Amino acid sequence: QLKTTTTAAASRDFAEDRLWLNGEEADVGHPRLQACLREGECPPPPGAGRGVPRTVPPPHGSCPLAVRRLARKRRGGSAEDAAPLNLSYKIHIATENNFPTAAGLASSAAGYACLVSALARLYGVEGELSEVARRGSGSACRSMLGGFVQWQRGERPDGRDSLAHQVAPETHWPELRVLVLVVSGEKKQVGSTAGMQTSVATSPLLKHRAEAVVPERLALMMRHIRERDFEGFGQLTMKDSNQFHATCLDTFPPIFYLNDLSRQIIALAHRFNAHHGRTKVAYTFDAGPNAVIFTLADTVAEFVEVVRRSFPPATNGDQFVRGLPVDSASLPEELLAAVVTEPVPGAVRYILHTKPGPGPQLLDDPSQHLLGADGMPRRCA
C-alpha cells in the first residue's frame, strides 16, 4: 500500500548514467545516490533520524561500500569481467513511489533500500547490504528488512558496524495496522539529513536524548513488540515522537515539521484514548506533518469514521480511504460528543490503510518493470 518500485538496467549502448524519479529525469550525480552506486568519494553517513545521530567522518579515499565496488571486489578486481555484467557499462535507473515523496513518509528510506536491492541483483552482489543503503538514507538500512527492524548504532569509528537487525518478521503481529493521515503531499522545507545535522550541532536536548533516553527506550520498545503489548507500544511510540519534535524545537534556528493540523490530530488521538480508558490508537510523526497512526484491526473502522467526522473529505469522498479495505462503522453519540469537536473540512487529504510489510521483493512480471527493452522509461508517473 506504500511502496517504491525501482528498475535498473546496464548496457554497453548507454552513453551515461541516468535516473528518472516519478517519471521525471533527476540528477544522477547526487552524492547520496553516488555513494550507493559508484566508486568515488563517500559523503558522511546521513543522520540517524530520530534515534542516535551518527556524526563519524567518512572513510578516507574511495568508498568501499558502493555496489559497483562490492561487485568488483567479489570478482577479484577486474572491471572487464564479462560475467555476469561488465562494471564499466553505464546504468539507467527508474524509480516511483505510490505515496508522497519527501513529505515525511520515509520515501528516501524506501527509495534507497529499493535502489540498493535492485543494483545488488543487477551486479550479482550478495550479503549484508544495509550498510550500503545507509549511505543513501540512514533509515534505508531498516527498510532492507521486513517487519520490525532496529538500526544498531555500532561502535566502530568508521560506522561499518552501524547495521540493521530484524527484531521480528512482518507476520509477528498480524493484528497491527497502520493508518497514514496525509495532510500534505508538499516537499518539506528542511530535509531530514540537514535537519539532523543542525540538531546535532545546536540541540542540548538531542545530546541528552541520544545518550540517556534512546538506549533504554530501544530495549523497552523491542520488548513491547516481542510481547505484542499494544498499550506499552503505543504509549512509548507517542512519547518518543513528542520528544523527537521537542529536539526539533530545541534546534537553533528551530525546525517546524508539525503544523496546526498535526497538533489537532494529536489531540484527537488523546481524546479517543481517554474516552476508551486505554491506548487504542498511537500517533507518530517523522520529519513532516503527516500522521502515522498505529492501532489494532478491531479499532480501524471506528477510528477512520472518527477521522472522517473530524476532518470531512472535501471532494474526494470515494478516495478518502485507500489501501486495505475498511468496514463502515456507526459511532455512539457519547463517543461523538467526547471526541469529535468542531469539524475541519478538507484538512486530511486521504487516509492510507496498511500494515507492517516485507523487505524488498523481486518483481518477475515484466509488465511491472519501469524501463523498457531500450532502457528508457516505459511510462510517466
Protein backbone atom coordinates (compact mmCIF):
# COMPACT_ATOMS: atom_id res chain seq x y z
CA GLN A 1 0.00 0.00 0.00
CA LEU A 2 3.06 2.24 0.43
CA LYS A 3 5.84 1.15 -1.85
CA THR A 4 8.73 2.19 -4.03
CA THR A 5 9.31 0.39 -7.33
CA THR A 6 12.75 0.57 -8.95
CA THR A 7 14.14 -0.87 -12.18
CA ALA A 8 17.85 -0.74 -13.03
CA ALA A 9 19.47 -1.67 -16.34
CA ALA A 10 23.03 -1.56 -17.68
CA SER A 11 24.16 -1.66 -21.30
CA ARG A 12 27.17 -1.01 -23.49
CA ASP A 13 24.82 1.18 -25.54
CA PHE A 14 24.13 3.67 -22.73
CA ALA A 15 26.15 6.88 -23.11
CA GLU A 16 25.82 7.97 -19.47
CA ASP A 17 24.27 7.10 -16.14
CA ARG A 18 20.68 8.39 -15.96
CA LEU A 19 17.95 8.50 -13.32
CA TRP A 20 14.18 9.05 -13.51
CA LEU A 21 12.19 9.75 -10.31
CA ASN A 22 8.39 9.53 -10.53
CA GLY A 23 8.58 9.92 -14.32
CA GLU A 24 10.86 12.98 -14.31
CA GLU A 25 14.57 12.86 -15.04
CA ALA A 26 16.60 13.68 -11.93
CA ASP A 27 20.23 14.38 -11.03
CA VAL A 28 22.12 11.09 -11.17
CA GLY A 29 25.16 12.84 -9.69
CA HIS A 30 23.54 13.39 -6.27
CA PRO A 31 26.22 12.49 -3.68
CA ARG A 32 23.92 10.18 -1.71
CA LEU A 33 22.95 8.27 -4.84
CA GLN A 34 26.56 8.00 -5.95
CA ALA A 35 27.53 6.72 -2.50
CA CYS A 36 25.37 3.66 -3.22
CA LEU A 37 26.42 3.24 -6.84
CA ARG A 38 29.94 4.20 -7.78
CA GLU A 39 33.48 4.01 -6.52
CA GLY A 40 34.05 7.68 -5.79
CA GLU A 41 34.41 9.64 -2.58
CA CYS A 42 32.00 8.83 0.23
CA PRO A 43 29.82 11.54 1.76
CA PRO A 44 29.43 11.46 5.54
CA PRO A 45 26.91 8.92 6.78
CA PRO A 46 23.49 10.61 6.87
CA GLY A 47 21.96 11.46 10.25
CA ALA A 48 20.18 8.71 12.12
CA GLY A 49 16.73 10.26 12.08
CA ARG A 50 15.06 10.46 15.44
CA GLY A 51 17.37 7.97 17.17
CA VAL A 52 21.09 8.26 17.84
CA PRO A 53 22.82 10.62 15.41
CA ARG A 54 25.87 9.30 13.59
CA THR A 55 28.48 12.01 13.32
CA VAL A 56 31.54 9.93 12.37
CA PRO A 57 33.62 11.12 9.40
CA PRO A 58 33.63 9.11 6.17
CA PRO A 59 36.45 6.65 5.49
CA HIS A 60 39.36 8.23 3.67
CA GLY A 61 39.80 7.64 -0.04
CA SER A 62 37.31 5.81 -2.22
CA CYS A 63 34.10 4.41 -0.83
CA PRO A 64 34.32 0.66 -0.08
CA LEU A 65 30.55 0.37 0.23
CA ALA A 66 29.20 1.24 -3.21
CA VAL A 67 27.57 -1.66 -5.03
CA ARG A 68 29.93 -1.45 -8.01
CA ARG A 69 32.95 -1.67 -5.71
CA LEU A 70 31.46 -4.65 -3.90
CA ALA A 71 30.88 -6.33 -7.26
CA ARG A 72 34.47 -5.62 -8.35
CA LYS A 73 35.85 -6.97 -5.08
CA ARG A 74 33.84 -10.17 -5.46
CA ARG A 75 35.28 -10.68 -8.96
CA GLY A 76 38.88 -10.18 -7.93
CA GLY A 77 39.33 -6.60 -9.13
CA SER A 78 38.68 -6.86 -12.86
CA ALA A 79 36.44 -4.20 -14.38
CA GLU A 80 36.20 -6.05 -17.70
CA ASP A 81 34.88 -9.32 -16.34
CA ALA A 82 32.13 -10.33 -18.78
CA ALA A 83 30.01 -12.32 -16.34
CA PRO A 84 27.53 -11.57 -15.04
CA LEU A 85 27.78 -7.87 -16.01
CA ASN A 86 30.51 -5.57 -17.22
CA LEU A 87 31.07 -2.97 -14.49
CA SER A 88 32.12 -0.30 -16.97
CA TYR A 89 28.67 -0.17 -18.57
CA LYS A 90 26.57 2.91 -17.83
CA ILE A 91 23.34 2.42 -15.92
CA HIS A 92 19.75 3.62 -16.21
CA ILE A 93 17.53 3.72 -13.12
CA ALA A 94 13.80 4.44 -12.90
CA THR A 95 12.04 4.67 -9.54
CA GLU A 96 8.49 5.53 -8.50
CA ASN A 97 6.69 5.99 -5.18
CA ASN A 98 2.95 5.41 -4.82
CA PHE A 99 2.84 7.87 -1.89
CA PRO A 100 4.01 11.49 -1.38
CA THR A 101 7.76 11.96 -1.82
CA ALA A 102 9.92 13.96 0.63
CA ALA A 103 6.88 14.66 2.82
CA GLY A 104 7.94 12.86 5.99
CA LEU A 105 6.69 9.40 4.96
CA ALA A 106 10.11 7.74 4.55
CA SER A 107 10.24 7.96 0.75
CA SER A 108 14.04 8.23 0.85
CA ALA A 109 14.30 5.18 3.14
CA ALA A 110 12.12 3.10 0.83
CA GLY A 111 13.79 4.53 -2.26
CA TYR A 112 17.38 3.81 -1.30
CA ALA A 113 16.58 0.34 0.06
CA CYS A 114 14.86 -0.45 -3.23
CA LEU A 115 17.73 1.05 -5.25
CA VAL A 116 20.43 -0.90 -3.41
CA SER A 117 18.44 -4.13 -3.74
CA ALA A 118 17.99 -3.60 -7.48
CA LEU A 119 21.66 -2.72 -8.03
CA ALA A 120 22.84 -5.68 -5.95
CA ARG A 121 20.72 -8.06 -8.01
CA LEU A 122 21.88 -6.43 -11.26
CA TYR A 123 25.56 -6.78 -10.34
CA GLY A 124 25.27 -10.15 -8.59
CA VAL A 125 26.22 -8.81 -5.14
CA GLU A 126 25.01 -10.76 -2.11
CA GLY A 127 25.33 -10.48 1.67
CA GLU A 128 24.99 -7.55 4.10
CA LEU A 129 23.63 -4.57 2.19
CA SER A 130 22.01 -2.46 4.91
CA GLU A 131 25.30 -0.58 5.37
CA VAL A 132 25.29 0.38 1.69
CA ALA A 133 21.66 1.55 1.87
CA ARG A 134 22.52 3.65 4.95
CA ARG A 135 24.91 5.68 2.77
CA GLY A 136 21.94 6.88 0.75
CA SER A 137 19.49 7.45 3.60
CA GLY A 138 20.16 6.45 7.18
CA SER A 139 16.74 4.89 7.71
CA ALA A 140 17.05 2.92 4.46
CA CYS A 141 19.12 0.33 6.31
CA ARG A 142 15.96 -0.63 8.23
CA SER A 143 13.92 -0.86 5.03
CA MET A 144 16.25 -3.59 3.75
CA LEU A 145 14.48 -5.99 6.11
CA GLY A 146 10.81 -6.74 6.71
CA GLY A 147 8.66 -6.34 9.79
CA PHE A 148 10.11 -4.70 12.88
CA VAL A 149 13.71 -3.56 12.50
CA GLN A 150 16.29 -1.96 14.77
CA TRP A 151 19.08 0.24 13.46
CA GLN A 152 22.12 -0.68 15.54
CA ARG A 153 24.30 2.26 16.44
CA GLY A 154 27.58 0.37 16.17
CA GLU A 155 30.87 1.08 17.91
CA ARG A 156 33.47 1.40 15.12
CA PRO A 157 34.64 4.93 14.36
CA ASP A 158 34.12 4.38 10.61
CA GLY A 159 30.50 3.34 11.17
CA ARG A 160 30.91 0.00 9.39
CA ASP A 161 29.04 -1.87 12.14
CA SER A 162 26.05 0.50 12.09
CA LEU A 163 23.68 -2.03 10.55
CA ALA A 164 20.05 -3.09 10.60
CA HIS A 165 18.77 -6.05 12.61
CA GLN A 166 15.31 -7.60 12.37
CA VAL A 167 13.53 -7.73 15.73
CA ALA A 168 10.52 -9.65 14.40
CA PRO A 169 9.13 -10.52 10.92
CA GLU A 170 6.08 -8.79 9.44
CA THR A 171 3.96 -11.84 10.36
CA HIS A 172 4.76 -11.46 14.08
CA TRP A 173 1.87 -9.13 14.97
CA PRO A 174 -0.93 -9.87 12.48
CA GLU A 175 -3.48 -7.60 14.19
CA LEU A 176 -1.31 -4.46 13.96
CA ARG A 177 -2.50 -1.87 11.44
CA VAL A 178 -1.15 1.46 10.23
CA LEU A 179 -3.22 4.47 9.17
CA VAL A 180 -1.34 7.25 7.41
CA LEU A 181 -3.26 10.53 7.59
CA VAL A 182 -1.95 12.53 4.64
CA VAL A 183 -2.43 16.21 5.37
CA SER A 184 0.19 17.49 2.94
CA GLY A 185 2.00 16.00 -0.03
CA GLU A 186 4.27 19.01 -0.32
CA LYS A 187 8.01 18.59 -0.06
CA LYS A 188 9.21 19.58 3.39
CA GLN A 189 11.21 22.79 3.75
CA VAL A 190 14.01 21.20 5.81
CA GLY A 191 15.29 17.78 4.76
CA SER A 192 15.81 15.02 7.31
CA THR A 193 19.59 14.83 6.99
CA ALA A 194 20.15 18.61 7.02
CA GLY A 195 17.78 18.97 9.95
CA MET A 196 19.52 16.27 11.96
CA GLN A 197 22.95 17.78 11.29
CA THR A 198 21.73 21.15 12.58
CA SER A 199 20.18 19.48 15.64
CA VAL A 200 23.43 17.63 16.39
CA ALA A 201 25.28 20.93 16.28
CA THR A 202 22.85 23.04 18.31
CA SER A 203 20.45 20.95 20.46
CA PRO A 204 21.50 20.02 24.02
CA LEU A 205 18.25 18.05 24.28
CA LEU A 206 19.28 15.83 21.36
CA LYS A 207 22.59 15.05 23.06
CA HIS A 208 20.74 14.04 26.24
CA ARG A 209 18.23 12.05 24.19
CA ALA A 210 20.93 10.12 22.33
CA GLU A 211 22.99 9.33 25.41
CA ALA A 212 20.38 8.81 28.15
CA VAL A 213 16.95 8.20 26.63
CA VAL A 214 17.20 6.26 23.38
CA PRO A 215 19.15 3.17 24.58
CA GLU A 216 16.62 2.45 27.33
CA ARG A 217 13.66 3.12 25.05
CA LEU A 218 15.05 0.85 22.33
CA ALA A 219 15.21 -2.07 24.73
CA LEU A 220 11.73 -1.32 26.05
CA MET A 221 10.26 -0.97 22.57
CA MET A 222 11.70 -4.31 21.45
CA ARG A 223 10.14 -5.95 24.50
CA HIS A 224 6.72 -4.41 23.73
CA ILE A 225 6.97 -5.65 20.14
CA ARG A 226 8.02 -9.17 21.10
CA GLU A 227 5.17 -9.37 23.64
CA ARG A 228 2.68 -7.67 21.26
CA ASP A 229 1.85 -5.27 24.09
CA PHE A 230 -0.08 -2.51 22.31
CA GLU A 231 -0.60 -0.41 25.44
CA GLY A 232 3.15 -0.21 26.08
CA PHE A 233 3.99 0.02 22.39
CA GLY A 234 1.50 2.83 21.78
CA GLN A 235 2.45 4.91 24.82
CA LEU A 236 6.15 4.70 24.04
CA THR A 237 5.57 5.48 20.35
CA MET A 238 3.73 8.70 21.19
CA LYS A 239 6.19 9.80 23.86
CA ASP A 240 9.14 9.23 21.56
CA SER A 241 7.51 11.09 18.68
CA ASN A 242 6.84 14.02 21.00
CA GLN A 243 10.43 14.07 22.22
CA PHE A 244 11.81 13.89 18.69
CA HIS A 245 9.83 17.01 17.77
CA ALA A 246 10.93 18.65 21.01
CA THR A 247 14.52 18.28 19.77
CA CYS A 248 13.42 19.95 16.52
CA LEU A 249 12.16 22.92 18.55
CA ASP A 250 15.36 22.83 20.62
CA THR A 251 17.40 23.13 17.41
CA PHE A 252 18.61 26.65 16.58
CA PRO A 253 17.06 28.02 14.48
CA PRO A 254 14.09 25.78 15.33
CA ILE A 255 12.66 23.27 12.84
CA PHE A 256 8.88 23.01 12.46
CA TYR A 257 7.91 19.70 10.89
CA LEU A 258 4.46 19.64 12.54
CA ASN A 259 1.71 22.09 11.65
CA ASP A 260 -1.59 23.08 13.29
CA LEU A 261 -3.40 20.13 11.73
CA SER A 262 -0.75 17.73 13.04
CA ARG A 263 -1.40 19.04 16.54
CA GLN A 264 -5.17 18.65 16.05
CA ILE A 265 -4.65 15.00 15.13
CA ILE A 266 -2.52 14.51 18.27
CA ALA A 267 -5.29 16.00 20.42
CA LEU A 268 -7.90 13.84 18.64
CA ALA A 269 -5.93 10.66 19.40
CA HIS A 270 -5.66 11.57 23.09
CA ARG A 271 -9.40 12.32 23.32
CA PHE A 272 -10.17 8.99 21.61
CA ASN A 273 -7.95 7.07 24.04
CA ALA A 274 -9.31 8.95 27.07
CA HIS A 275 -12.88 8.10 26.05
CA HIS A 276 -12.00 4.40 25.88
CA GLY A 277 -9.89 4.49 29.03
CA ARG A 278 -6.88 2.87 27.36
CA THR A 279 -4.49 3.29 24.44
CA LYS A 280 -6.46 2.33 21.33
CA VAL A 281 -4.52 4.44 18.83
CA ALA A 282 -0.96 5.79 18.85
CA TYR A 283 0.42 8.59 16.67
CA THR A 284 3.92 9.19 15.44
CA PHE A 285 5.28 11.92 13.15
CA ASP A 286 8.56 11.74 11.30
CA ALA A 287 10.13 14.74 9.55
CA GLY A 288 6.84 16.06 8.20
CA PRO A 289 3.25 16.95 9.14
CA ASN A 290 1.62 13.67 8.07
CA ALA A 291 0.42 11.47 10.92
CA VAL A 292 1.14 7.76 11.17
CA ILE A 293 -1.42 6.08 13.42
CA PHE A 294 -0.82 2.61 14.87
CA THR A 295 -3.86 0.66 16.00
CA LEU A 296 -5.25 -2.88 16.04
CA ALA A 297 -7.52 -4.33 13.37
CA ASP A 298 -10.63 -4.18 15.56
CA THR A 299 -10.26 -0.41 16.03
CA VAL A 300 -9.63 0.63 12.41
CA ALA A 301 -13.23 1.15 11.28
CA GLU A 302 -14.24 3.19 14.33
CA PHE A 303 -11.19 5.47 14.26
CA VAL A 304 -11.42 6.02 10.49
CA GLU A 305 -15.01 7.15 10.98
CA VAL A 306 -13.88 9.47 13.80
CA VAL A 307 -11.31 10.99 11.43
CA ARG A 308 -13.93 11.28 8.69
CA ARG A 309 -16.27 13.15 11.06
CA SER A 310 -13.46 15.36 12.40
CA PHE A 311 -11.97 16.19 9.00
CA PRO A 312 -14.78 15.66 6.46
CA PRO A 313 -13.41 14.98 2.96
CA ALA A 314 -13.91 17.93 0.63
CA THR A 315 -14.23 16.46 -2.85
CA ASN A 316 -12.63 13.01 -2.79
CA GLY A 317 -15.16 11.13 -0.70
CA ASP A 318 -14.75 7.94 -2.72
CA GLN A 319 -10.95 8.09 -2.50
CA PHE A 320 -10.69 9.27 1.10
CA VAL A 321 -9.67 5.81 2.36
CA ARG A 322 -7.08 3.95 0.29
CA GLY A 323 -5.12 0.74 0.68
CA LEU A 324 -6.56 -2.15 2.67
CA PRO A 325 -10.38 -2.26 2.85
CA VAL A 326 -12.07 -0.56 5.82
CA ASP A 327 -15.53 -1.55 7.05
CA SER A 328 -18.14 1.10 7.76
CA ALA A 329 -18.84 1.97 11.39
CA SER A 330 -21.58 3.79 13.29
CA LEU A 331 -20.41 5.94 16.19
CA PRO A 332 -22.24 6.12 19.55
CA GLU A 333 -23.41 9.60 20.46
CA GLU A 334 -21.28 9.65 23.61
CA LEU A 335 -18.17 8.95 21.54
CA LEU A 336 -19.01 11.73 19.09
CA ALA A 337 -19.65 14.17 21.92
CA ALA A 338 -16.39 13.30 23.70
CA VAL A 339 -14.03 13.02 20.73
CA VAL A 340 -15.27 14.94 17.68
CA THR A 341 -15.07 18.69 18.25
CA GLU A 342 -15.59 21.33 15.57
CA PRO A 343 -15.02 19.63 12.18
CA VAL A 344 -12.34 20.95 9.82
CA PRO A 345 -13.49 20.07 6.28
CA GLY A 346 -10.86 19.02 3.75
CA ALA A 347 -7.94 19.17 6.19
CA VAL A 348 -6.98 15.48 5.79
CA ARG A 349 -6.48 14.76 2.10
CA TYR A 350 -6.82 10.99 2.42
CA ILE A 351 -6.07 8.00 4.68
CA LEU A 352 -3.77 5.13 3.68
CA HIS A 353 -4.63 1.87 5.48
CA THR A 354 -1.76 -0.60 5.61
CA LYS A 355 0.19 -2.93 7.91
CA PRO A 356 3.81 -3.98 8.52
CA GLY A 357 5.28 -5.34 5.31
CA PRO A 358 8.26 -7.29 3.97
CA GLY A 359 11.62 -6.05 2.78
CA PRO A 360 12.49 -5.62 -0.91
CA GLN A 361 10.76 -8.03 -3.29
CA LEU A 362 11.72 -9.05 -6.84
CA LEU A 363 9.06 -8.31 -9.48
CA ASP A 364 9.20 -11.13 -12.03
CA ASP A 365 6.32 -9.72 -14.09
CA PRO A 366 7.89 -7.68 -16.94
CA SER A 367 4.75 -5.56 -17.21
CA GLN A 368 5.64 -4.03 -13.83
CA HIS A 369 9.18 -3.06 -14.88
CA LEU A 370 9.69 0.69 -15.25
CA LEU A 371 12.27 0.51 -18.06
CA GLY A 372 11.61 -0.95 -21.49
CA ALA A 373 13.92 -3.11 -23.57
CA ASP A 374 15.62 0.06 -24.82
CA GLY A 375 16.48 1.09 -21.25
CA MET A 376 14.15 4.09 -21.31
CA PRO A 377 11.14 4.73 -19.02
CA ARG A 378 8.04 2.89 -20.16
CA ARG A 379 5.56 5.29 -18.59
CA CYS A 380 5.42 8.51 -16.62
CA ALA A 381 4.07 8.69 -13.06
